[in-house]
């Protein structure tokens, strides 16, 4: 996702779609109320109540379409944009105790329900969703990673490789090891792309597709390891979560990096705590 909007999706089309598709309108109002709650903390409770009221209606209507009988080529773009708004609202509502995006105190996380809706929409109608005004722009050429940002990438890579060596020493099941290898290889690629965009002065929401894309592509079996609080899976997640700090220029992403890492730390066995010292240190830097 880019911060530019050459097709006026957010300034024009999303509002027009909201008139035709009331769920979008309610979700826009929910996100707007959350922004007002952030801008005016003295009236936070009032705006949060308004956000919750609009969100409840918007989500209920959208989830009614999450069946192959109701989802079709005519509404799939509107459903996709609705799920995108729901993701923003989820972050904008702020971190919640016991919920850490990809796992929770109880096991599965609320987030996964949202992700399933996105996967259903995109998986069923990928070509139609990303057509017309939602057709992706050709990728912009990015500059070389600047020296200072290159040092940050190198540091992140070195510590992640150490964690990978831990996984390779301890995971003896070849199929499980393959899950870790796939997740880590994808993470290295995301780290590189994040720092390239940062070198091009991109941050905040401009990184959303990269970070959420990593979660989106995680195999179900790896997600299950996280839900079961498998320590090596939690360590890998920590090295992904540290990237959230580069998104905190967006108001709705503030506090999420430290929150996810606090959940990792809470459930991580004592003998594995040293493996997340670096991510914790990085997210607490001013």
C-alpha atoms as a PDB file:
ATOM      1  CA  UNK A   1       0.000   0.000   0.000  1.00  0.00           C
ATOM      2  CA  UNK A   2       1.333   3.405  -0.914  1.00  0.00           C
ATOM      3  CA  UNK A   3       0.655   6.648   0.838  1.00  0.00           C
ATOM      4  CA  UNK A   4      -0.259   8.209  -2.539  1.00  0.00           C
ATOM      5  CA  UNK A   5      -3.753   7.619  -3.923  1.00  0.00           C
ATOM      6  CA  UNK A   6      -3.608   8.275  -7.701  1.00  0.00           C
ATOM      7  CA  UNK A   7      -6.998   6.658  -8.347  1.00  0.00           C
ATOM      8  CA  UNK A   8      -8.676   8.639  -5.546  1.00  0.00           C
ATOM      9  CA  UNK A   9      -9.818   5.391  -3.961  1.00  0.00           C
ATOM     10  CA  UNK A  10      -9.869   6.772  -0.426  1.00  0.00           C
ATOM     11  CA  UNK A  11     -10.961  10.331  -1.218  1.00  0.00           C
ATOM     12  CA  UNK A  12     -13.707   9.548  -3.713  1.00  0.00           C
ATOM     13  CA  UNK A  13     -14.506   5.930  -4.588  1.00  0.00           C
ATOM     14  CA  UNK A  14     -14.603   4.539  -1.054  1.00  0.00           C
ATOM     15  CA  UNK A  15     -17.100   7.249  -0.045  1.00  0.00           C
ATOM     16  CA  UNK A  16     -19.278   6.628  -3.113  1.00  0.00           C
ATOM     17  CA  UNK A  17     -19.185   2.898  -2.415  1.00  0.00           C
ATOM     18  CA  UNK A  18     -20.278   3.689   1.132  1.00  0.00           C
ATOM     19  CA  UNK A  19     -23.496   5.198  -0.206  1.00  0.00           C
ATOM     20  CA  UNK A  20     -24.156   2.072  -2.278  1.00  0.00           C
ATOM     21  CA  UNK A  21     -22.900  -0.366   0.381  1.00  0.00           C
ATOM     22  CA  UNK A  22     -23.808   0.802   3.913  1.00  0.00           C
ATOM     23  CA  UNK A  23     -21.222  -1.415   5.617  1.00  0.00           C
ATOM     24  CA  UNK A  24     -18.436   0.691   4.126  1.00  0.00           C
ATOM     25  CA  UNK A  25     -20.074   3.901   5.292  1.00  0.00           C
ATOM     26  CA  UNK A  26     -20.377   2.618   8.865  1.00  0.00           C
ATOM     27  CA  UNK A  27     -16.784   1.369   8.844  1.00  0.00           C
ATOM     28  CA  UNK A  28     -15.548   4.769   7.586  1.00  0.00           C
ATOM     29  CA  UNK A  29     -17.455   6.437  10.428  1.00  0.00           C
ATOM     30  CA  UNK A  30     -16.015   3.934  12.920  1.00  0.00           C
ATOM     31  CA  UNK A  31     -12.453   4.658  11.800  1.00  0.00           C
ATOM     32  CA  UNK A  32     -13.144   8.412  11.855  1.00  0.00           C
ATOM     33  CA  UNK A  33     -14.465   8.166  15.411  1.00  0.00           C
ATOM     34  CA  UNK A  34     -11.328   6.295  16.488  1.00  0.00           C
ATOM     35  CA  UNK A  35      -9.174   9.024  14.954  1.00  0.00           C
ATOM     36  CA  UNK A  36     -11.149  11.645  16.882  1.00  0.00           C
ATOM     37  CA  UNK A  37     -10.634   9.577  20.054  1.00  0.00           C
ATOM     38  CA  UNK A  38      -6.895   9.666  19.382  1.00  0.00           C
ATOM     39  CA  UNK A  39      -6.882  13.419  18.640  1.00  0.00           C
ATOM     40  CA  UNK A  40      -9.109  14.300  21.610  1.00  0.00           C
ATOM     41  CA  UNK A  41      -8.222  11.963  24.493  1.00  0.00           C
ATOM     42  CA  UNK A  42     -10.374  13.997  26.906  1.00  0.00           C
ATOM     43  CA  UNK A  43     -13.443  12.796  24.961  1.00  0.00           C
ATOM     44  CA  UNK A  44     -12.093   9.343  24.185  1.00  0.00           C
ATOM     45  CA  UNK A  45     -14.909   7.352  25.804  1.00  0.00           C
ATOM     46  CA  UNK A  46     -17.578   9.208  23.796  1.00  0.00           C
ATOM     47  CA  UNK A  47     -15.832   8.614  20.486  1.00  0.00           C
ATOM     48  CA  UNK A  48     -15.027   4.989  21.300  1.00  0.00           C
ATOM     49  CA  UNK A  49     -18.720   4.326  21.915  1.00  0.00           C
ATOM     50  CA  UNK A  50     -19.586   5.868  18.560  1.00  0.00           C
ATOM     51  CA  UNK A  51     -16.854   3.810  16.874  1.00  0.00           C
ATOM     52  CA  UNK A  52     -18.116   0.599  18.463  1.00  0.00           C
ATOM     53  CA  UNK A  53     -21.700   1.290  17.391  1.00  0.00           C
ATOM     54  CA  UNK A  54     -20.735   1.857  13.744  1.00  0.00           C
ATOM     55  CA  UNK A  55     -18.282  -1.038  13.764  1.00  0.00           C
ATOM     56  CA  UNK A  56     -20.893  -3.477  15.085  1.00  0.00           C
ATOM     57  CA  UNK A  57     -23.264  -2.701  12.229  1.00  0.00           C
ATOM     58  CA  UNK A  58     -20.538  -2.643   9.584  1.00  0.00           C
ATOM     59  CA  UNK A  59     -18.986  -5.955  10.607  1.00  0.00           C
ATOM     60  CA  UNK A  60     -22.314  -7.750  10.972  1.00  0.00           C
ATOM     61  CA  UNK A  61     -23.335  -6.814   7.455  1.00  0.00           C
ATOM     62  CA  UNK A  62     -19.964  -7.737   5.921  1.00  0.00           C
ATOM     63  CA  UNK A  63     -19.739 -11.114   7.649  1.00  0.00           C
ATOM     64  CA  UNK A  64     -23.107 -12.032   6.174  1.00  0.00           C
ATOM     65  CA  UNK A  65     -21.347 -12.032   2.799  1.00  0.00           C
ATOM     66  CA  UNK A  66     -18.577 -14.432   3.893  1.00  0.00           C
ATOM     67  CA  UNK A  67     -20.142 -17.346   2.126  1.00  0.00           C
ATOM     68  CA  UNK A  68     -19.555 -18.324  -1.470  1.00  0.00           C
ATOM     69  CA  UNK A  69     -23.293 -18.006  -2.100  1.00  0.00           C
ATOM     70  CA  UNK A  70     -23.404 -14.280  -1.243  1.00  0.00           C
ATOM     71  CA  UNK A  71     -19.903 -13.247  -2.364  1.00  0.00           C
ATOM     72  CA  UNK A  72     -19.763 -12.613  -6.111  1.00  0.00           C
ATOM     73  CA  UNK A  73     -18.006 -10.582  -8.812  1.00  0.00           C
ATOM     74  CA  UNK A  74     -20.346  -7.636  -8.315  1.00  0.00           C
ATOM     75  CA  UNK A  75     -19.630  -7.115  -4.619  1.00  0.00           C
ATOM     76  CA  UNK A  76     -16.162  -8.645  -4.090  1.00  0.00           C
ATOM     77  CA  UNK A  77     -14.307  -5.302  -4.402  1.00  0.00           C
ATOM     78  CA  UNK A  78     -16.617  -3.670  -1.868  1.00  0.00           C
ATOM     79  CA  UNK A  79     -16.212  -6.634   0.487  1.00  0.00           C
ATOM     80  CA  UNK A  80     -12.431  -6.465   0.098  1.00  0.00           C
ATOM     81  CA  UNK A  81     -12.349  -2.742   0.922  1.00  0.00           C
ATOM     82  CA  UNK A  82     -14.638  -3.416   3.875  1.00  0.00           C
ATOM     83  CA  UNK A  83     -12.186  -5.980   5.230  1.00  0.00           C
ATOM     84  CA  UNK A  84      -9.345  -3.489   4.700  1.00  0.00           C
ATOM     85  CA  UNK A  85     -11.222  -0.907   6.764  1.00  0.00           C
ATOM     86  CA  UNK A  86     -11.888  -3.540   9.437  1.00  0.00           C
ATOM     87  CA  UNK A  87      -8.140  -4.197   9.674  1.00  0.00           C
ATOM     88  CA  UNK A  88      -7.448  -0.475  10.155  1.00  0.00           C
ATOM     89  CA  UNK A  89     -10.204  -0.255  12.767  1.00  0.00           C
ATOM     90  CA  UNK A  90      -8.822  -3.273  14.611  1.00  0.00           C
ATOM     91  CA  UNK A  91      -5.465  -1.535  14.946  1.00  0.00           C
ATOM     92  CA  UNK A  92      -7.062   1.854  15.645  1.00  0.00           C
ATOM     93  CA  UNK A  93      -9.049   0.443  18.559  1.00  0.00           C
ATOM     94  CA  UNK A  94      -5.665  -0.153  20.178  1.00  0.00           C
ATOM     95  CA  UNK A  95      -3.982  -3.182  21.733  1.00  0.00           C
ATOM     96  CA  UNK A  96      -6.260  -5.247  23.952  1.00  0.00           C
ATOM     97  CA  UNK A  97      -5.155  -7.340  26.908  1.00  0.00           C
ATOM     98  CA  UNK A  98      -4.869 -11.006  26.005  1.00  0.00           C
ATOM     99  CA  UNK A  99      -5.005 -10.453  22.215  1.00  0.00           C
ATOM    100  CA  UNK A 100      -1.691 -10.419  20.329  1.00  0.00           C
ATOM    101  CA  UNK A 101      -2.797 -10.445  16.665  1.00  0.00           C
ATOM    102  CA  UNK A 102      -1.827 -13.991  15.755  1.00  0.00           C
ATOM    103  CA  UNK A 103      -2.386 -15.663  19.141  1.00  0.00           C
ATOM    104  CA  UNK A 104      -4.200 -14.895  22.374  1.00  0.00           C
ATOM    105  CA  UNK A 105      -4.336 -15.974  25.986  1.00  0.00           C
ATOM    106  CA  UNK A 106      -6.885 -18.605  25.009  1.00  0.00           C
ATOM    107  CA  UNK A 107      -5.186 -19.795  21.800  1.00  0.00           C
ATOM    108  CA  UNK A 108      -6.718 -18.520  18.534  1.00  0.00           C
ATOM    109  CA  UNK A 109      -6.950 -14.748  18.082  1.00  0.00           C
ATOM    110  CA  UNK A 110      -9.771 -12.462  16.931  1.00  0.00           C
ATOM    111  CA  UNK A 111      -7.431 -11.279  14.195  1.00  0.00           C
ATOM    112  CA  UNK A 112      -7.591 -14.652  12.468  1.00  0.00           C
ATOM    113  CA  UNK A 113     -11.317 -14.215  11.866  1.00  0.00           C
ATOM    114  CA  UNK A 114     -10.547 -10.991   9.976  1.00  0.00           C
ATOM    115  CA  UNK A 115      -7.763 -12.661   8.022  1.00  0.00           C
ATOM    116  CA  UNK A 116     -10.049 -15.510   7.024  1.00  0.00           C
ATOM    117  CA  UNK A 117     -12.486 -12.980   5.574  1.00  0.00           C
ATOM    118  CA  UNK A 118      -9.724 -11.373   3.522  1.00  0.00           C
ATOM    119  CA  UNK A 119      -8.447 -14.762   2.349  1.00  0.00           C
ATOM    120  CA  UNK A 120     -11.928 -15.863   1.317  1.00  0.00           C
ATOM    121  CA  UNK A 121     -12.545 -12.699  -0.694  1.00  0.00           C
ATOM    122  CA  UNK A 122      -9.148 -12.545  -2.364  1.00  0.00           C
ATOM    123  CA  UNK A 123      -8.835 -16.290  -2.874  1.00  0.00           C
ATOM    124  CA  UNK A 124     -12.215 -16.594  -4.561  1.00  0.00           C
ATOM    125  CA  UNK A 125     -12.085 -13.490  -6.769  1.00  0.00           C
ATOM    126  CA  UNK A 126      -8.449 -12.372  -6.897  1.00  0.00           C
ATOM    127  CA  UNK A 127      -8.491 -11.225 -10.527  1.00  0.00           C
ATOM    128  CA  UNK A 128     -11.750  -9.287 -10.138  1.00  0.00           C
ATOM    129  CA  UNK A 129     -10.778  -7.709  -6.791  1.00  0.00           C
ATOM    130  CA  UNK A 130      -7.514  -6.310  -8.152  1.00  0.00           C
ATOM    131  CA  UNK A 131      -8.920  -4.832 -11.339  1.00  0.00           C
ATOM    132  CA  UNK A 132     -10.179  -1.412 -12.363  1.00  0.00           C
ATOM    133  CA  UNK A 133      -9.435   1.233  -9.746  1.00  0.00           C
ATOM    134  CA  UNK A 134      -8.004  -1.434  -7.419  1.00  0.00           C
ATOM    135  CA  UNK A 135      -5.510  -2.687 -10.007  1.00  0.00           C
ATOM    136  CA  UNK A 136      -2.054  -2.475  -8.411  1.00  0.00           C
ATOM    137  CA  UNK A 137       0.228   0.219  -9.736  1.00  0.00           C
ATOM    138  CA  UNK A 138       3.534  -0.792 -11.318  1.00  0.00           C
ATOM    139  CA  UNK A 139       6.156  -0.924  -8.567  1.00  0.00           C
ATOM    140  CA  UNK A 140       8.147   2.242  -8.142  1.00  0.00           C
ATOM    141  CA  UNK A 141      11.915   1.912  -8.428  1.00  0.00           C
ATOM    142  CA  UNK A 142      13.398   2.181  -4.953  1.00  0.00           C
ATOM    143  CA  UNK A 143      16.786   3.656  -4.106  1.00  0.00           C
ATOM    144  CA  UNK A 144      19.620   1.652  -2.655  1.00  0.00           C
ATOM    145  CA  UNK A 145      19.370   1.178   1.077  1.00  0.00           C
ATOM    146  CA  UNK A 146      21.089   4.117   2.756  1.00  0.00           C
ATOM    147  CA  UNK A 147      24.166   3.398   4.901  1.00  0.00           C
ATOM    148  CA  UNK A 148      22.482   4.162   8.237  1.00  0.00           C
ATOM    149  CA  UNK A 149      19.385   2.101   7.413  1.00  0.00           C
ATOM    150  CA  UNK A 150      21.651  -0.617   6.003  1.00  0.00           C
ATOM    151  CA  UNK A 151      23.285  -0.908   9.422  1.00  0.00           C
ATOM    152  CA  UNK A 152      19.861  -1.394  11.012  1.00  0.00           C
ATOM    153  CA  UNK A 153      19.004  -4.091   8.463  1.00  0.00           C
ATOM    154  CA  UNK A 154      22.335  -5.820   9.082  1.00  0.00           C
ATOM    155  CA  UNK A 155      21.767  -5.826  12.839  1.00  0.00           C
ATOM    156  CA  UNK A 156      18.247  -7.204  12.449  1.00  0.00           C
ATOM    157  CA  UNK A 157      19.488  -9.880  10.041  1.00  0.00           C
ATOM    158  CA  UNK A 158      22.345 -11.001  12.310  1.00  0.00           C
ATOM    159  CA  UNK A 159      20.053 -11.461  15.319  1.00  0.00           C
ATOM    160  CA  UNK A 160      17.387 -13.206  13.219  1.00  0.00           C
ATOM    161  CA  UNK A 161      20.006 -15.595  11.810  1.00  0.00           C
ATOM    162  CA  UNK A 162      21.039 -16.456  15.371  1.00  0.00           C
ATOM    163  CA  UNK A 163      17.426 -17.307  16.137  1.00  0.00           C
ATOM    164  CA  UNK A 164      17.306 -19.414  12.975  1.00  0.00           C
ATOM    165  CA  UNK A 165      20.323 -21.392  14.154  1.00  0.00           C
ATOM    166  CA  UNK A 166      18.479 -22.044  17.425  1.00  0.00           C
ATOM    167  CA  UNK A 167      15.540 -23.434  15.451  1.00  0.00           C
ATOM    168  CA  UNK A 168      17.797 -25.607  13.304  1.00  0.00           C
ATOM    169  CA  UNK A 169      19.484 -27.064  16.395  1.00  0.00           C
ATOM    170  CA  UNK A 170      16.309 -27.883  18.256  1.00  0.00           C
ATOM    171  CA  UNK A 171      13.684 -28.787  15.652  1.00  0.00           C
ATOM    172  CA  UNK A 172      14.333 -32.346  14.520  1.00  0.00           C
ATOM    173  CA  UNK A 173      11.101 -33.022  12.603  1.00  0.00           C
ATOM    174  CA  UNK A 174      11.885 -32.224   8.967  1.00  0.00           C
ATOM    175  CA  UNK A 175       8.347 -31.128   8.072  1.00  0.00           C
ATOM    176  CA  UNK A 176       8.168 -28.778  11.065  1.00  0.00           C
ATOM    177  CA  UNK A 177      11.623 -27.409  10.300  1.00  0.00           C
ATOM    178  CA  UNK A 178      10.421 -26.636   6.785  1.00  0.00           C
ATOM    179  CA  UNK A 179       7.626 -24.501   8.264  1.00  0.00           C
ATOM    180  CA  UNK A 180      10.187 -22.460  10.167  1.00  0.00           C
ATOM    181  CA  UNK A 181      12.504 -22.162   7.182  1.00  0.00           C
ATOM    182  CA  UNK A 182       9.690 -20.905   4.963  1.00  0.00           C
ATOM    183  CA  UNK A 183       8.528 -18.348   7.546  1.00  0.00           C
ATOM    184  CA  UNK A 184      12.084 -17.115   8.137  1.00  0.00           C
ATOM    185  CA  UNK A 185      12.949 -16.849   4.437  1.00  0.00           C
ATOM    186  CA  UNK A 186       9.808 -14.777   3.918  1.00  0.00           C
ATOM    187  CA  UNK A 187      10.759 -12.658   6.937  1.00  0.00           C
ATOM    188  CA  UNK A 188      14.238 -11.904   5.524  1.00  0.00           C
ATOM    189  CA  UNK A 189      12.606 -10.748   2.298  1.00  0.00           C
ATOM    190  CA  UNK A 190      10.132  -8.539   4.194  1.00  0.00           C
ATOM    191  CA  UNK A 191      12.948  -7.038   6.291  1.00  0.00           C
ATOM    192  CA  UNK A 192      14.842  -6.112   3.132  1.00  0.00           C
ATOM    193  CA  UNK A 193      11.792  -4.553   1.489  1.00  0.00           C
ATOM    194  CA  UNK A 194      10.862  -2.598   4.623  1.00  0.00           C
ATOM    195  CA  UNK A 195      14.309  -1.037   4.804  1.00  0.00           C
ATOM    196  CA  UNK A 196      14.300  -0.246   1.083  1.00  0.00           C
ATOM    197  CA  UNK A 197      11.041   1.655   1.512  1.00  0.00           C
ATOM    198  CA  UNK A 198      12.402   3.407   4.574  1.00  0.00           C
ATOM    199  CA  UNK A 199      15.362   4.544   2.473  1.00  0.00           C
ATOM    200  CA  UNK A 200      12.780   6.060   0.112  1.00  0.00           C
ATOM    201  CA  UNK A 201      11.263   7.964   3.060  1.00  0.00           C
ATOM    202  CA  UNK A 202       8.281   5.603   3.286  1.00  0.00           C
ATOM    203  CA  UNK A 203       6.931   4.562   6.672  1.00  0.00           C
ATOM    204  CA  UNK A 204       3.673   4.069   8.530  1.00  0.00           C
ATOM    205  CA  UNK A 205       0.823   2.773   6.399  1.00  0.00           C
ATOM    206  CA  UNK A 206       3.166   2.464   3.408  1.00  0.00           C
ATOM    207  CA  UNK A 207       4.604  -0.645   5.092  1.00  0.00           C
ATOM    208  CA  UNK A 208       1.276  -2.271   5.946  1.00  0.00           C
ATOM    209  CA  UNK A 209       1.145  -4.608   2.940  1.00  0.00           C
ATOM    210  CA  UNK A 210       4.597  -5.991   3.782  1.00  0.00           C
ATOM    211  CA  UNK A 211       4.030  -6.674   7.467  1.00  0.00           C
ATOM    212  CA  UNK A 212       0.481  -7.974   7.168  1.00  0.00           C
ATOM    213  CA  UNK A 213       1.484  -9.925   4.065  1.00  0.00           C
ATOM    214  CA  UNK A 214       3.871 -11.982   6.206  1.00  0.00           C
ATOM    215  CA  UNK A 215       1.034 -12.932   8.547  1.00  0.00           C
ATOM    216  CA  UNK A 216      -1.276 -13.588   5.607  1.00  0.00           C
ATOM    217  CA  UNK A 217       1.136 -16.106   4.095  1.00  0.00           C
ATOM    218  CA  UNK A 218       1.899 -18.025   7.281  1.00  0.00           C
ATOM    219  CA  UNK A 219       0.875 -21.682   6.879  1.00  0.00           C
ATOM    220  CA  UNK A 220      -1.943 -22.898   9.114  1.00  0.00           C
ATOM    221  CA  UNK A 221       0.437 -25.315  10.847  1.00  0.00           C
ATOM    222  CA  UNK A 222       2.777 -22.475  11.815  1.00  0.00           C
ATOM    223  CA  UNK A 223      -0.148 -20.436  13.138  1.00  0.00           C
ATOM    224  CA  UNK A 224      -1.103 -23.461  15.216  1.00  0.00           C
ATOM    225  CA  UNK A 225       2.400 -23.503  16.742  1.00  0.00           C
ATOM    226  CA  UNK A 226       1.911 -19.877  17.773  1.00  0.00           C
ATOM    227  CA  UNK A 227      -1.518 -20.584  19.237  1.00  0.00           C
ATOM    228  CA  UNK A 228       0.057 -23.397  21.251  1.00  0.00           C
ATOM    229  CA  UNK A 229       2.779 -20.951  22.458  1.00  0.00           C
ATOM    230  CA  UNK A 230       5.564 -23.086  20.981  1.00  0.00           C
ATOM    231  CA  UNK A 231       8.666 -21.181  22.173  1.00  0.00           C
ATOM    232  CA  UNK A 232      10.674 -21.227  18.938  1.00  0.00           C
ATOM    233  CA  UNK A 233       7.643 -20.004  16.966  1.00  0.00           C
ATOM    234  CA  UNK A 234       7.203 -17.171  19.471  1.00  0.00           C
ATOM    235  CA  UNK A 235      10.874 -16.228  19.045  1.00  0.00           C
ATOM    236  CA  UNK A 236      10.447 -16.018  15.254  1.00  0.00           C
ATOM    237  CA  UNK A 237       7.329 -13.873  15.720  1.00  0.00           C
ATOM    238  CA  UNK A 238       9.331 -11.467  17.893  1.00  0.00           C
ATOM    239  CA  UNK A 239      11.721 -10.743  15.027  1.00  0.00           C
ATOM    240  CA  UNK A 240       8.767  -9.932  12.790  1.00  0.00           C
ATOM    241  CA  UNK A 241       7.015  -7.797  15.413  1.00  0.00           C
ATOM    242  CA  UNK A 242      10.007  -5.495  15.825  1.00  0.00           C
ATOM    243  CA  UNK A 243       9.271  -4.167  12.315  1.00  0.00           C
ATOM    244  CA  UNK A 244       6.052  -2.638  13.642  1.00  0.00           C
ATOM    245  CA  UNK A 245       8.094   0.150  15.191  1.00  0.00           C
ATOM    246  CA  UNK A 246       8.565   1.585  11.707  1.00  0.00           C
ATOM    247  CA  UNK A 247       4.795   1.848  11.308  1.00  0.00           C
ATOM    248  CA  UNK A 248       4.197   3.963  14.387  1.00  0.00           C
ATOM    249  CA  UNK A 249       4.146   7.188  12.368  1.00  0.00           C
ATOM    250  CA  UNK A 250       0.558   6.074  11.607  1.00  0.00           C
ATOM    251  CA  UNK A 251      -1.657   7.014  14.558  1.00  0.00           C
ATOM    252  CA  UNK A 252      -3.469   3.674  14.594  1.00  0.00           C
ATOM    253  CA  UNK A 253      -0.238   1.626  14.861  1.00  0.00           C
ATOM    254  CA  UNK A 254       1.155   3.234  18.008  1.00  0.00           C
ATOM    255  CA  UNK A 255       1.933   0.748  20.773  1.00  0.00           C
ATOM    256  CA  UNK A 256       1.418  -2.402  18.719  1.00  0.00           C
ATOM    257  CA  UNK A 257       5.081  -3.456  18.443  1.00  0.00           C
ATOM    258  CA  UNK A 258       5.589  -3.418  22.200  1.00  0.00           C
ATOM    259  CA  UNK A 259       2.192  -5.019  22.808  1.00  0.00           C
ATOM    260  CA  UNK A 260       2.840  -8.040  20.569  1.00  0.00           C
ATOM    261  CA  UNK A 261       6.302  -8.472  22.071  1.00  0.00           C
ATOM    262  CA  UNK A 262       4.879  -8.262  25.580  1.00  0.00           C
ATOM    263  CA  UNK A 263       2.591 -11.169  24.691  1.00  0.00           C
ATOM    264  CA  UNK A 264       5.539 -13.146  23.339  1.00  0.00           C
ATOM    265  CA  UNK A 265       7.530 -12.445  26.507  1.00  0.00           C
ATOM    266  CA  UNK A 266       4.616 -13.363  28.757  1.00  0.00           C
ATOM    267  CA  UNK A 267       4.275 -16.878  27.330  1.00  0.00           C
ATOM    268  CA  UNK A 268       7.900 -17.593  26.509  1.00  0.00           C
ATOM    269  CA  UNK A 269       9.642 -20.145  28.722  1.00  0.00           C
ATOM    270  CA  UNK A 270      12.436 -18.640  30.877  1.00  0.00           C
ATOM    271  CA  UNK A 271      15.218 -20.425  29.015  1.00  0.00           C
ATOM    272  CA  UNK A 272      14.130 -18.727  25.764  1.00  0.00           C
ATOM    273  CA  UNK A 273      13.809 -15.202  27.158  1.00  0.00           C
ATOM    274  CA  UNK A 274      17.385 -14.200  26.133  1.00  0.00           C
ATOM    275  CA  UNK A 275      16.430 -14.802  22.486  1.00  0.00           C
ATOM    276  CA  UNK A 276      13.997 -11.873  22.496  1.00  0.00           C
ATOM    277  CA  UNK A 277      16.161  -9.389  24.386  1.00  0.00           C
ATOM    278  CA  UNK A 278      17.162  -7.640  21.156  1.00  0.00           C
ATOM    279  CA  UNK A 279      13.584  -7.181  19.804  1.00  0.00           C
ATOM    280  CA  UNK A 280      12.433  -5.888  23.197  1.00  0.00           C
ATOM    281  CA  UNK A 281      15.336  -3.460  23.349  1.00  0.00           C
ATOM    282  CA  UNK A 282      14.646  -2.150  19.833  1.00  0.00           C
ATOM    283  CA  UNK A 283      10.944  -1.443  20.360  1.00  0.00           C
ATOM    284  CA  UNK A 284      11.692   0.423  23.604  1.00  0.00           C
ATOM    285  CA  UNK A 285      14.214   2.733  21.973  1.00  0.00           C
ATOM    286  CA  UNK A 286      13.079   6.333  21.745  1.00  0.00           C
END
